[in-house]
């Protein structure tokens, strides 16, 4: 008995969703990226300091 494997190419669900206008703004906003950079570094440093004490 043959398996019923059909290939459906180029369906919409195979493509990633397009970012919204707001998402594009936050990804390209330098001030926001700088803020997130310092928040992440602060969280990492908290873990490092906690592990060394």
C-alpha atoms as a PDB file:
ATOM      1  CA  UNK A   1       0.000   0.000   0.000  1.00  0.00           C
ATOM      2  CA  UNK A   2       1.401   3.424  -0.978  1.00  0.00           C
ATOM      3  CA  UNK A   3       1.567   6.216   1.578  1.00  0.00           C
ATOM      4  CA  UNK A   4      -0.504   9.250   0.714  1.00  0.00           C
ATOM      5  CA  UNK A   5       2.266  11.877   0.874  1.00  0.00           C
ATOM      6  CA  UNK A   6       1.445  14.970  -1.098  1.00  0.00           C
ATOM      7  CA  UNK A   7       3.773  17.932  -1.203  1.00  0.00           C
ATOM      8  CA  UNK A   8       2.149  21.353  -1.184  1.00  0.00           C
ATOM      9  CA  UNK A   9       4.707  23.992  -2.084  1.00  0.00           C
ATOM     10  CA  UNK A  10       4.495  27.728  -1.485  1.00  0.00           C
ATOM     11  CA  UNK A  11       1.645  27.860   0.973  1.00  0.00           C
ATOM     12  CA  UNK A  12       1.243  31.047   2.999  1.00  0.00           C
ATOM     13  CA  UNK A  13       1.925  29.299   6.303  1.00  0.00           C
ATOM     14  CA  UNK A  14       5.425  28.328   5.123  1.00  0.00           C
ATOM     15  CA  UNK A  15       6.529  31.971   5.122  1.00  0.00           C
ATOM     16  CA  UNK A  16       7.383  33.895   8.296  1.00  0.00           C
ATOM     17  CA  UNK A  17       5.023  36.685   9.342  1.00  0.00           C
ATOM     18  CA  UNK A  18       5.953  40.196   8.255  1.00  0.00           C
ATOM     19  CA  UNK A  19       6.926  42.519  11.111  1.00  0.00           C
ATOM     20  CA  UNK A  20       4.525  45.330  11.850  1.00  0.00           C
ATOM     21  CA  UNK A  21       5.433  48.995  11.588  1.00  0.00           C
ATOM     22  CA  UNK A  22       5.815  49.201  15.382  1.00  0.00           C
ATOM     23  CA  UNK A  23       8.107  46.178  15.468  1.00  0.00           C
ATOM     24  CA  UNK A  24      10.304  47.686  12.765  1.00  0.00           C
ATOM     25  CA  UNK A  25      10.481  50.928  14.735  1.00  0.00           C
ATOM     26  CA  UNK A  26      11.592  49.239  17.975  1.00  0.00           C
ATOM     27  CA  UNK A  27      14.179  47.135  16.151  1.00  0.00           C
ATOM     28  CA  UNK A  28      15.767  50.198  14.579  1.00  0.00           C
ATOM     29  CA  UNK A  29      15.452  52.651  17.499  1.00  0.00           C
ATOM     30  CA  UNK A  30      18.986  53.248  18.788  1.00  0.00           C
ATOM     31  CA  UNK A  31      17.911  54.584  22.209  1.00  0.00           C
ATOM     32  CA  UNK A  32      15.673  51.579  22.860  1.00  0.00           C
ATOM     33  CA  UNK A  33      18.422  49.170  21.763  1.00  0.00           C
ATOM     34  CA  UNK A  34      20.896  50.902  24.066  1.00  0.00           C
ATOM     35  CA  UNK A  35      18.430  50.635  26.951  1.00  0.00           C
ATOM     36  CA  UNK A  36      17.864  46.906  26.283  1.00  0.00           C
ATOM     37  CA  UNK A  37      21.640  46.394  26.084  1.00  0.00           C
ATOM     38  CA  UNK A  38      22.156  47.855  29.564  1.00  0.00           C
ATOM     39  CA  UNK A  39      19.195  45.946  31.019  1.00  0.00           C
ATOM     40  CA  UNK A  40      20.586  42.664  29.684  1.00  0.00           C
ATOM     41  CA  UNK A  41      24.088  43.452  30.959  1.00  0.00           C
ATOM     42  CA  UNK A  42      22.669  44.318  34.382  1.00  0.00           C
ATOM     43  CA  UNK A  43      20.851  40.968  34.564  1.00  0.00           C
ATOM     44  CA  UNK A  44      23.990  39.084  33.538  1.00  0.00           C
ATOM     45  CA  UNK A  45      26.153  40.956  36.060  1.00  0.00           C
ATOM     46  CA  UNK A  46      23.632  40.186  38.822  1.00  0.00           C
ATOM     47  CA  UNK A  47      23.993  36.475  38.065  1.00  0.00           C
ATOM     48  CA  UNK A  48      27.801  36.661  37.894  1.00  0.00           C
ATOM     49  CA  UNK A  49      28.095  38.565  41.193  1.00  0.00           C
ATOM     50  CA  UNK A  50      25.632  36.203  42.883  1.00  0.00           C
ATOM     51  CA  UNK A  51      27.653  33.189  41.689  1.00  0.00           C
ATOM     52  CA  UNK A  52      30.964  34.569  42.976  1.00  0.00           C
ATOM     53  CA  UNK A  53      29.776  35.329  46.497  1.00  0.00           C
END
